[in-house]
Amino acid sequence: MEEISFDSVDNALKKFRPYLLRDGGDYELVDVTNDGTVKIRLLGACTTCPSSDMTLKMGIELTLAEKIFGFKEVVQVY
């Protein structure tokens, strides 16, 4: 398990990105704070998708929880 950093989060999320791209969406990794919060901006189809909260919590957040030591939560920024 990797320590939390911008690069470790970015690398972990690259494995998740194809699922978003397949549906016309994407994300931008905005910030990774020292307390373990990851800030993400959803792009494309994800901005208007009614399932975007599920994508953040059940997709991105679970992916990071499994791979990144010190990860706390994902928050969406606009």
C-alpha atoms as a PDB file:
ATOM      1  CA  MET A   1       0.000   0.000   0.000  1.00  0.00           C
ATOM      2  CA  GLU A   2       1.408   3.409  -0.978  1.00  0.00           C
ATOM      3  CA  GLU A   3       1.563   6.495   1.248  1.00  0.00           C
ATOM      4  CA  ILE A   4      -0.822   9.250   0.267  1.00  0.00           C
ATOM      5  CA  SER A   5       0.599  11.825  -2.134  1.00  0.00           C
ATOM      6  CA  PHE A   6      -0.595  13.533  -5.291  1.00  0.00           C
ATOM      7  CA  ASP A   7       1.414  11.091  -7.434  1.00  0.00           C
ATOM      8  CA  SER A   8       0.237   7.942  -5.630  1.00  0.00           C
ATOM      9  CA  VAL A   9      -3.407   9.027  -5.888  1.00  0.00           C
ATOM     10  CA  ASP A  10      -2.959   9.986  -9.544  1.00  0.00           C
ATOM     11  CA  ASN A  11      -1.438   6.576 -10.321  1.00  0.00           C
ATOM     12  CA  ALA A  12      -4.199   4.698  -8.494  1.00  0.00           C
ATOM     13  CA  LEU A  13      -6.916   6.660 -10.295  1.00  0.00           C
ATOM     14  CA  LYS A  14      -5.423   6.036 -13.737  1.00  0.00           C
ATOM     15  CA  LYS A  15      -6.722   2.478 -13.422  1.00  0.00           C
ATOM     16  CA  PHE A  16     -10.232   3.826 -12.798  1.00  0.00           C
ATOM     17  CA  ARG A  17     -10.233   6.431 -15.589  1.00  0.00           C
ATOM     18  CA  PRO A  18     -11.119   4.071 -18.492  1.00  0.00           C
ATOM     19  CA  TYR A  19     -14.487   3.327 -16.884  1.00  0.00           C
ATOM     20  CA  LEU A  20     -15.353   7.024 -16.849  1.00  0.00           C
ATOM     21  CA  LEU A  21     -14.061   7.631 -20.362  1.00  0.00           C
ATOM     22  CA  ARG A  22     -16.147   4.739 -21.689  1.00  0.00           C
ATOM     23  CA  ASP A  23     -19.282   6.591 -20.574  1.00  0.00           C
ATOM     24  CA  GLY A  24     -18.172  10.010 -21.839  1.00  0.00           C
ATOM     25  CA  GLY A  25     -16.892  11.319 -18.517  1.00  0.00           C
ATOM     26  CA  ASP A  26     -13.567  12.028 -16.889  1.00  0.00           C
ATOM     27  CA  TYR A  27     -12.082  13.599 -13.778  1.00  0.00           C
ATOM     28  CA  GLU A  28      -9.426  16.103 -12.806  1.00  0.00           C
ATOM     29  CA  LEU A  29      -7.384  15.455  -9.674  1.00  0.00           C
ATOM     30  CA  VAL A  30      -7.395  18.892  -8.050  1.00  0.00           C
ATOM     31  CA  ASP A  31      -5.659  18.376  -4.697  1.00  0.00           C
ATOM     32  CA  VAL A  32      -4.513  15.827  -2.138  1.00  0.00           C
ATOM     33  CA  THR A  33      -4.366  17.253   1.370  1.00  0.00           C
ATOM     34  CA  ASN A  34      -2.068  16.167   4.194  1.00  0.00           C
ATOM     35  CA  ASP A  35      -5.059  14.922   6.190  1.00  0.00           C
ATOM     36  CA  GLY A  36      -5.988  12.393   3.472  1.00  0.00           C
ATOM     37  CA  THR A  37      -8.707  14.258   1.590  1.00  0.00           C
ATOM     38  CA  VAL A  38      -8.697  13.923  -2.186  1.00  0.00           C
ATOM     39  CA  LYS A  39     -10.382  16.701  -4.163  1.00  0.00           C
ATOM     40  CA  ILE A  40     -11.709  15.765  -7.590  1.00  0.00           C
ATOM     41  CA  ARG A  41     -13.541  17.675 -10.299  1.00  0.00           C
ATOM     42  CA  LEU A  42     -15.775  15.518 -12.472  1.00  0.00           C
ATOM     43  CA  LEU A  43     -15.772  16.363 -16.178  1.00  0.00           C
ATOM     44  CA  GLY A  44     -17.771  15.595 -19.312  1.00  0.00           C
ATOM     45  CA  ALA A  45     -20.835  13.414 -18.903  1.00  0.00           C
ATOM     46  CA  CYS A  46     -20.016  12.981 -15.206  1.00  0.00           C
ATOM     47  CA  THR A  47     -20.942  16.600 -14.468  1.00  0.00           C
ATOM     48  CA  THR A  48     -24.623  16.010 -15.207  1.00  0.00           C
ATOM     49  CA  CYS A  49     -24.893  12.300 -14.422  1.00  0.00           C
ATOM     50  CA  PRO A  50     -27.333  11.458 -11.628  1.00  0.00           C
ATOM     51  CA  SER A  51     -24.968   8.670 -10.537  1.00  0.00           C
ATOM     52  CA  SER A  52     -21.944  10.936 -10.031  1.00  0.00           C
ATOM     53  CA  ASP A  53     -22.196  10.682  -6.225  1.00  0.00           C
ATOM     54  CA  MET A  54     -22.076   6.903  -6.521  1.00  0.00           C
ATOM     55  CA  THR A  55     -19.113   7.162  -8.874  1.00  0.00           C
ATOM     56  CA  LEU A  56     -17.245   9.235  -6.293  1.00  0.00           C
ATOM     57  CA  LYS A  57     -18.115   7.143  -3.255  1.00  0.00           C
ATOM     58  CA  MET A  58     -18.443   3.595  -4.566  1.00  0.00           C
ATOM     59  CA  GLY A  59     -15.905   3.819  -7.370  1.00  0.00           C
ATOM     60  CA  ILE A  60     -13.168   6.355  -6.750  1.00  0.00           C
ATOM     61  CA  GLU A  61     -13.306   6.321  -2.946  1.00  0.00           C
ATOM     62  CA  LEU A  62     -13.230   2.509  -2.694  1.00  0.00           C
ATOM     63  CA  THR A  63     -10.372   2.315  -5.200  1.00  0.00           C
ATOM     64  CA  LEU A  64      -8.293   4.744  -3.156  1.00  0.00           C
ATOM     65  CA  ALA A  65      -9.188   3.128   0.184  1.00  0.00           C
ATOM     66  CA  GLU A  66      -7.785  -0.175  -1.091  1.00  0.00           C
ATOM     67  CA  LYS A  67      -4.561   1.255  -2.520  1.00  0.00           C
ATOM     68  CA  ILE A  68      -3.525   4.357  -0.549  1.00  0.00           C
ATOM     69  CA  PHE A  69      -2.412   4.398   3.092  1.00  0.00           C
ATOM     70  CA  GLY A  70      -3.611   7.549   4.849  1.00  0.00           C
ATOM     71  CA  PHE A  71      -6.549   8.115   2.492  1.00  0.00           C
ATOM     72  CA  LYS A  72      -9.625   9.522   4.253  1.00  0.00           C
ATOM     73  CA  GLU A  73     -12.247  10.676   1.736  1.00  0.00           C
ATOM     74  CA  VAL A  74     -13.022  12.020  -1.710  1.00  0.00           C
ATOM     75  CA  VAL A  75     -14.779  15.354  -2.099  1.00  0.00           C
ATOM     76  CA  GLN A  76     -16.056  16.842  -5.310  1.00  0.00           C
ATOM     77  CA  VAL A  77     -15.060  20.371  -6.246  1.00  0.00           C
ATOM     78  CA  TYR A  78     -16.768  22.447  -8.921  1.00  0.00           C
END
